[in-house]
Protein backbone atom coordinates (compact mmCIF):
# COMPACT_ATOMS: atom_id res chain seq x y z
CA MET A 1 0.08 0.01 0.01
CA LYS A 2 1.19 3.50 -0.78
CA ARG A 3 0.17 6.51 1.26
CA GLU A 4 0.01 10.25 0.17
CA ARG A 5 -1.09 13.28 2.12
CA VAL A 6 -2.94 15.76 -0.04
CA SER A 7 -3.48 18.30 2.74
CA ASP A 8 -2.93 18.42 6.56
CA ASP A 9 -6.18 16.53 7.12
CA ILE A 10 -6.59 14.31 4.08
CA VAL A 11 -4.69 11.16 3.40
CA VAL A 12 -4.96 8.88 0.30
CA PHE A 13 -4.11 5.17 0.45
CA THR A 14 -3.45 3.35 -2.83
CA SER A 15 -3.48 -0.40 -3.26
CA THR A 16 -0.22 -1.94 -4.73
CA LEU A 17 -1.95 -5.38 -4.95
CA TYR A 18 -4.96 -4.68 -7.26
CA ALA A 19 -5.70 -2.03 -9.92
CA GLN A 20 -4.29 0.95 -7.96
CA VAL A 21 -7.61 1.21 -5.94
CA ASN A 22 -7.75 4.33 -3.88
CA ALA A 23 -9.15 4.87 -0.33
CA GLY A 24 -8.91 7.96 1.76
CA ALA A 25 -9.34 9.44 5.17
CA VAL A 26 -10.44 12.87 6.40
CA LEU A 27 -9.03 13.40 9.88
CA THR A 28 -10.84 15.74 12.39
CA PRO A 29 -10.66 16.45 16.06
CA ALA A 30 -13.82 14.33 16.54
CA GLY A 31 -12.50 11.38 14.54
CA ALA A 32 -12.09 10.21 10.92
CA VAL A 33 -14.18 9.62 7.79
CA LEU A 34 -12.82 6.87 5.76
CA ILE A 35 -13.65 6.95 1.95
CA ASP A 36 -13.77 3.31 0.67
CA THR A 37 -11.49 0.52 1.80
CA LEU A 38 -8.90 -1.52 -0.17
CA PRO A 39 -9.53 -4.79 -1.91
CA PHE A 40 -7.53 -7.02 0.34
CA PRO A 41 -7.70 -7.14 4.20
CA GLU A 42 -3.95 -6.93 4.63
CA GLU A 43 -3.87 -3.49 3.06
CA THR A 44 -6.98 -2.20 4.82
CA ARG A 45 -5.49 -3.29 8.12
CA GLU A 46 -2.41 -1.09 7.19
CA ILE A 47 -4.87 1.75 6.86
CA ALA A 48 -6.52 0.91 10.26
CA ASP A 49 -2.95 0.85 11.94
CA TYR A 50 -1.97 4.12 10.34
CA LEU A 51 -5.19 5.78 11.56
CA GLU A 52 -4.64 4.36 15.10
CA SER A 53 -1.32 6.08 15.11
CA GLU A 54 -3.06 9.42 14.53
CA GLY A 55 -4.81 9.16 17.92
CA ALA A 56 -8.26 10.71 18.44
CA ARG A 57 -8.18 12.13 14.97
CA GLY A 58 -7.87 8.61 13.46
CA VAL A 59 -10.81 6.97 15.20
CA VAL A 60 -13.04 6.05 12.25
CA ARG A 61 -16.60 7.27 12.82
CA TYR A 62 -17.88 6.79 9.26
CA VAL A 63 -16.89 4.68 6.29
CA VAL A 64 -18.26 6.06 2.88
CA ASN A 65 -18.63 3.49 0.18
CA THR A 66 -18.49 5.23 -3.24
CA HIS A 67 -20.19 2.20 -4.81
CA ARG A 68 -20.93 -1.46 -4.18
CA HIS A 69 -17.95 -3.22 -5.81
CA GLY A 70 -15.86 -5.41 -3.58
CA ASP A 71 -12.58 -3.73 -4.39
CA HIS A 72 -14.02 -0.68 -2.54
CA THR A 73 -16.12 -2.36 0.13
CA HIS A 74 -14.37 -5.56 1.35
CA GLY A 75 -12.67 -3.74 4.16
CA ASN A 76 -15.87 -2.50 5.76
CA TYR A 77 -15.91 -5.19 8.32
CA LEU A 78 -12.57 -4.04 9.77
CA PHE A 79 -14.32 -0.99 11.27
CA PRO A 80 -17.06 -2.53 13.28
CA HIS A 81 -17.86 0.62 15.33
CA ALA A 82 -18.19 2.92 12.29
CA ASP A 83 -21.42 3.66 10.53
CA ILE A 84 -21.32 2.74 6.80
CA ILE A 85 -22.67 5.42 4.33
CA GLY A 86 -23.68 4.71 0.74
CA HIS A 87 -26.32 5.46 -1.83
CA ARG A 88 -29.66 3.68 -1.32
CA LEU A 89 -29.05 1.61 -4.34
CA CYS A 90 -25.62 0.42 -2.94
CA ARG A 91 -27.45 -0.85 0.19
CA GLU A 92 -30.18 -2.51 -1.99
CA THR A 93 -27.86 -4.18 -4.33
CA LEU A 94 -25.55 -5.58 -1.56
CA LEU A 95 -28.64 -6.83 0.43
CA ARG A 96 -29.74 -8.71 -2.69
CA TRP A 97 -26.48 -9.94 -4.21
CA GLY A 98 -23.73 -9.15 -1.69
CA ASN A 99 -23.37 -12.49 0.17
CA GLU A 100 -23.50 -14.63 -3.04
CA SER A 101 -20.99 -12.35 -4.75
CA LEU A 102 -18.62 -12.37 -1.71
CA GLN A 103 -18.74 -16.17 -1.41
CA ALA A 104 -17.85 -16.54 -5.08
CA ALA A 105 -15.03 -14.01 -4.56
CA LYS A 106 -13.76 -16.14 -1.57
CA GLU A 107 -13.74 -19.28 -3.61
CA ALA A 108 -11.70 -17.56 -6.31
CA THR A 109 -9.42 -15.60 -3.96
CA PRO A 110 -8.48 -17.35 -0.60
CA GLU A 111 -7.04 -14.03 0.71
CA LEU A 112 -10.65 -12.83 1.23
CA ASP A 113 -11.57 -15.79 3.49
CA ALA A 114 -11.90 -13.56 6.59
CA VAL A 115 -14.07 -10.91 4.94
CA THR A 116 -17.64 -10.45 6.19
CA LEU A 117 -20.28 -8.33 4.51
CA ARG A 118 -21.08 -4.95 5.97
CA ILE A 119 -23.81 -2.97 4.35
CA PRO A 120 -24.44 0.75 4.45
CA ASN A 121 -26.82 1.55 7.38
CA ILE A 122 -26.99 5.28 6.35
CA THR A 123 -28.20 6.06 2.83
CA PHE A 124 -29.24 9.08 0.65
CA GLU A 125 -30.52 9.66 -2.85
CA ARG A 126 -29.10 12.90 -4.35
CA GLU A 127 -27.04 14.73 -1.92
CA MET A 128 -26.15 14.56 1.78
CA SER A 129 -24.02 16.64 4.08
CA LEU A 130 -21.80 15.11 6.88
CA TYR A 131 -20.55 17.38 9.67
CA LEU A 132 -17.76 16.17 11.87
CA GLY A 133 -15.19 17.93 13.93
CA GLY A 134 -15.64 21.25 12.33
CA MET A 135 -15.35 19.74 8.77
CA THR A 136 -18.21 19.70 6.20
CA MET A 137 -18.22 16.84 3.70
CA GLU A 138 -20.76 16.80 0.84
CA LEU A 139 -21.83 13.43 -0.60
CA LEU A 140 -22.91 13.69 -4.21
CA TYR A 141 -24.63 11.22 -6.52
CA LEU A 142 -22.32 10.42 -9.43
CA PRO A 143 -23.77 7.42 -11.31
CA GLY A 144 -22.47 5.99 -14.52
CA HIS A 145 -19.81 3.53 -13.63
CA THR A 146 -22.53 1.88 -11.56
CA ILE A 147 -25.98 2.99 -10.83
CA ASP A 148 -25.11 3.60 -7.09
CA GLY A 149 -21.93 5.73 -7.59
CA ILE A 150 -21.28 8.59 -5.35
CA GLY A 151 -18.42 11.08 -4.59
CA MET A 152 -17.42 13.03 -1.49
CA LEU A 153 -16.46 16.75 -1.67
CA ILE A 154 -14.43 18.52 0.98
CA ARG A 155 -15.15 21.99 -0.18
CA SER A 156 -12.92 23.81 2.30
CA GLU A 157 -10.00 21.91 0.85
CA ARG A 158 -11.29 21.73 -2.68
CA VAL A 159 -10.79 17.92 -2.77
CA LEU A 160 -13.15 15.44 -4.45
CA PHE A 161 -13.10 11.72 -3.81
CA SER A 162 -14.81 10.82 -7.11
CA GLY A 163 -15.18 7.06 -6.78
CA ASP A 164 -15.02 5.40 -10.12
CA ALA A 165 -16.86 8.29 -11.82
CA ILE A 166 -13.33 9.35 -12.57
CA MET A 167 -10.66 6.75 -13.32
CA PRO A 168 -7.73 6.26 -15.75
CA LEU A 169 -10.04 4.55 -18.24
CA PRO A 170 -13.79 5.10 -17.98
CA SER A 171 -15.92 1.88 -17.32
CA PHE A 172 -19.68 1.67 -17.60
CA VAL A 173 -20.18 -2.05 -17.85
CA TRP A 174 -22.24 -2.14 -14.62
CA GLY A 175 -23.81 1.25 -15.27
CA ASP A 176 -24.79 3.64 -18.09
CA ARG A 177 -22.57 5.58 -20.52
CA GLU A 178 -24.75 8.64 -20.64
CA GLN A 179 -24.96 8.87 -16.88
CA LEU A 180 -21.14 8.55 -16.74
CA ILE A 181 -20.72 11.38 -19.18
CA HIS A 182 -22.99 13.66 -17.21
CA SER A 183 -21.14 12.85 -13.90
CA MET A 184 -17.81 13.42 -15.54
CA GLN A 185 -18.99 16.80 -16.85
CA ARG A 186 -20.30 17.70 -13.45
CA VAL A 187 -16.95 16.99 -11.84
CA LYS A 188 -15.11 18.96 -14.50
CA ALA A 189 -17.22 21.95 -13.67
CA MET A 190 -16.22 22.03 -10.00
CA ASP A 191 -13.44 24.27 -8.57
CA LEU A 192 -11.03 21.79 -7.23
CA GLU A 193 -7.37 21.43 -6.26
CA HIS A 194 -7.26 17.64 -6.18
CA ILE A 195 -9.40 14.73 -7.53
CA VAL A 196 -8.80 11.45 -5.87
CA GLN A 197 -9.88 8.96 -8.52
CA GLY A 198 -11.32 5.60 -7.79
CA HIS A 199 -8.12 4.15 -9.15
CA GLY A 200 -4.73 5.54 -10.18
CA ASP A 201 -2.93 8.78 -9.51
CA VAL A 202 -4.39 11.87 -7.59
CA LEU A 203 -5.20 14.45 -10.17
CA LEU A 204 -3.93 17.98 -9.69
CA ARG A 205 -5.74 21.21 -10.62
CA GLY A 206 -3.62 21.70 -13.81
CA GLU A 207 -4.36 18.33 -15.33
CA MET A 208 -7.94 17.72 -14.36
CA ALA A 209 -9.69 19.24 -17.38
CA GLU A 210 -7.28 17.63 -19.87
CA VAL A 211 -7.81 14.15 -18.32
CA ILE A 212 -11.48 14.35 -18.17
CA ASP A 213 -11.77 15.68 -21.75
CA GLU A 214 -9.65 12.77 -22.94
CA ASN A 215 -11.84 10.32 -21.12
CA LEU A 216 -14.97 11.98 -22.64
CA ALA A 217 -13.38 11.68 -26.03
CA TYR A 218 -12.75 7.92 -25.40
CA LEU A 219 -16.32 7.44 -24.65
CA ASP A 220 -17.49 9.16 -27.81
CA ASN A 221 -14.89 7.34 -29.90
CA ILE A 222 -15.92 3.86 -28.85
CA TYR A 223 -19.66 4.79 -29.21
CA GLU A 224 -19.11 5.79 -32.84
CA LYS A 225 -16.81 2.86 -33.69
CA VAL A 226 -19.15 0.23 -32.30
CA LYS A 227 -22.21 1.80 -33.73
CA LYS A 228 -20.59 1.75 -37.12
CA ARG A 229 -19.64 -1.86 -36.91
CA VAL A 230 -23.19 -2.94 -35.81
CA GLU A 231 -24.65 -1.07 -38.74
CA MET A 232 -22.24 -2.94 -41.06
CA GLY A 233 -23.42 -6.21 -39.60
CA ALA A 234 -20.15 -7.02 -37.78
CA SER A 235 -19.96 -9.75 -35.19
CA GLU A 236 -19.11 -9.31 -31.53
CA ARG A 237 -15.78 -11.02 -32.25
CA ASP A 238 -14.97 -8.19 -34.67
CA LEU A 239 -14.79 -5.86 -31.67
CA GLU A 240 -11.23 -7.08 -31.01
CA LYS A 241 -10.26 -4.79 -33.95
CA ILE A 242 -11.12 -1.72 -31.99
CA THR A 243 -8.11 -1.33 -29.77
CA VAL A 244 -7.91 0.73 -26.70
CA GLU A 245 -4.97 2.56 -28.05
CA LYS A 246 -6.83 3.63 -31.26
CA SER A 247 -9.72 4.70 -29.13
CA GLY A 248 -7.81 7.10 -26.98
CA GLY A 249 -7.17 5.02 -23.92
CA SER A 250 -4.17 3.28 -22.32
CA PRO A 251 -3.94 -0.69 -22.10
CA ILE A 252 -1.67 -0.30 -19.08
CA ALA A 253 -4.07 1.77 -17.00
CA MET A 254 -4.68 0.44 -13.48
CA ASP A 255 -1.88 -2.14 -13.50
CA GLY A 256 -2.82 -3.46 -16.87
CA MET A 257 -6.56 -3.63 -16.51
CA GLY A 258 -7.16 -1.01 -19.35
CA LYS A 259 -7.42 -3.54 -22.14
CA LYS A 260 -9.88 -5.73 -20.19
CA LEU A 261 -12.10 -2.86 -19.15
CA HIS A 262 -11.99 -1.48 -22.85
CA GLN A 263 -13.27 -4.75 -24.32
CA ALA A 264 -16.01 -4.91 -21.68
CA ASN A 265 -17.14 -1.40 -22.71
CA LEU A 266 -17.21 -2.40 -26.34
CA ILE A 267 -19.32 -5.47 -25.64
CA LYS A 268 -21.70 -3.57 -23.51
CA LEU A 269 -22.28 -1.05 -26.34
CA TYR A 270 -22.42 -3.70 -29.01
CA ARG A 271 -25.18 -5.65 -27.22
CA THR A 272 -27.13 -2.41 -26.54
CA PHE A 273 -27.01 -1.42 -30.25
CA ARG A 274 -28.10 -4.95 -31.28
CA GLU A 275 -31.06 -4.87 -28.87
CA GLU A 276 -32.10 -1.49 -30.29
CA GLN A 277 -31.86 -2.88 -33.84
CA GLN A 278 -34.00 -5.88 -32.90
CA ARG A 279 -36.58 -3.73 -31.35
CA ALA A 280 -36.69 -1.49 -34.30
CA ALA A 281 -37.20 -4.44 -36.67
CA LEU A 282 -40.25 -5.78 -34.65
CA PRO A 283 -43.72 -5.03 -36.18
CA ALA A 284 -45.89 -2.42 -34.61
CA ALA A 285 -48.09 -4.88 -32.97
CA ALA A 286 -45.14 -6.53 -31.16
CA VAL A 287 -43.75 -3.10 -30.04
CA HIS A 288 -47.15 -1.83 -28.97
CA PRO A 289 -49.35 -4.84 -28.16
CA ASP A 290 -52.99 -4.38 -27.40
CA LYS A 291 -54.30 -4.84 -23.81
CA LYS A 292 -55.07 -8.46 -24.16
CA ALA A 293 -51.76 -9.24 -25.58
CA ARG A 294 -50.08 -7.37 -22.71
CA THR A 295 -52.06 -9.30 -20.23
CA ARG A 296 -51.20 -12.62 -21.76
CA ARG A 297 -47.57 -11.76 -21.87
CA LYS A 298 -47.47 -10.58 -18.22
CA THR A 299 -49.24 -13.82 -17.20
CA ALA A 300 -46.71 -15.92 -19.19
CA VAL A 301 -43.77 -13.98 -17.66
CA ALA A 302 -45.17 -14.48 -14.21
CA HIS A 303 -45.58 -18.25 -14.73
CA ALA A 304 -42.06 -18.57 -16.07
CA GLN A 305 -40.60 -16.57 -13.21
CA SER A 306 -42.43 -18.64 -10.74
CA ASN A 307 -41.31 -21.93 -12.29
CA GLU A 308 -37.70 -20.87 -12.65
CA ALA A 309 -37.19 -18.91 -9.41
CA ALA A 310 -35.51 -21.54 -7.38
CA SER A 311 -33.23 -22.91 -10.06
CA GLY A 312 -32.52 -19.55 -11.67
CA ARG A 313 -31.72 -17.41 -8.70
CA LYS A 314 -28.12 -18.31 -8.25
CA ARG A 315 -27.35 -18.30 -11.88
CA VAL A 316 -28.75 -14.75 -12.35
CA ALA A 317 -26.94 -13.52 -9.29
CA LYS A 318 -23.61 -14.64 -10.64
CA LYS A 319 -24.41 -13.09 -14.05
CA ARG A 320 -25.29 -9.66 -12.35
CA GLU A 321 -22.41 -9.75 -9.95
CA PRO A 322 -19.16 -11.41 -11.30
CA SER A 323 -17.24 -13.24 -8.54
CA THR A 324 -14.01 -11.36 -8.79
CA SER A 325 -13.37 -7.94 -7.39
CA ARG A 326 -14.33 -5.21 -9.78
CA SER A 327 -13.11 -1.74 -10.64
């Protein structure tokens, strides 16, 4: 784990074991607010040890989860006396899928064996203010990477913990590209000195706009490239020809995860465009069925869901929440 102090009261911790994940702490006379944890318990324990050395300022009162992914939440359990704050959708998703996803991650990664699931017990929708030891922290809804993404702004220090709304290569596989663009534009408009990305280096004032513009250009590039190939009838396999380098991204971002994330973005776009094509090709009656047809379809769906619930629940959970730690 690497440690960097960006102000007298704000410390950033970066994983050296997985994808340069960032966590951070805001230290106040009344205790600390921890923003995310690191993927593996051994690194989050290093955070806990460091904060203990800070005395009263380092007593963790709150842990803020910027989104539900395990590489940001696996360490929650190491702060049993802290409240966990997250978006409402973070809590709901972890309640539904968290235990199954964690169990799958443990089977794939023995280092996670001691991890237990702790779910946010304080949630919000759009914005929330947190006051502690004379510091004001503003929690902001920044969806796109996931539907539950949030950031935390310390306005007095002009520091934003962006979660994965800002990262070295944008990723929207578990979220929505348009929402991510909106969140990135919102961050760009802020008057900041530092952005602590969800992964990678802390961004300084002089480089923020350029980095965000490059990421926005990347999102536009892959949109146009994939759309063109779908219109030409290309297969999903043909997406391999759209390299991350030619799209404006870096294959070595986040310790080499850039290429993998890029391909996942392309596949998400491809399948979205194909679904739109298929819907457009349906006859009007299929797109706008009459009332009786809608009733028959709802009844059929209800029967299918009832018949398949027991056997399908685990399979669907694994599809929605891959077993490995995510960015």
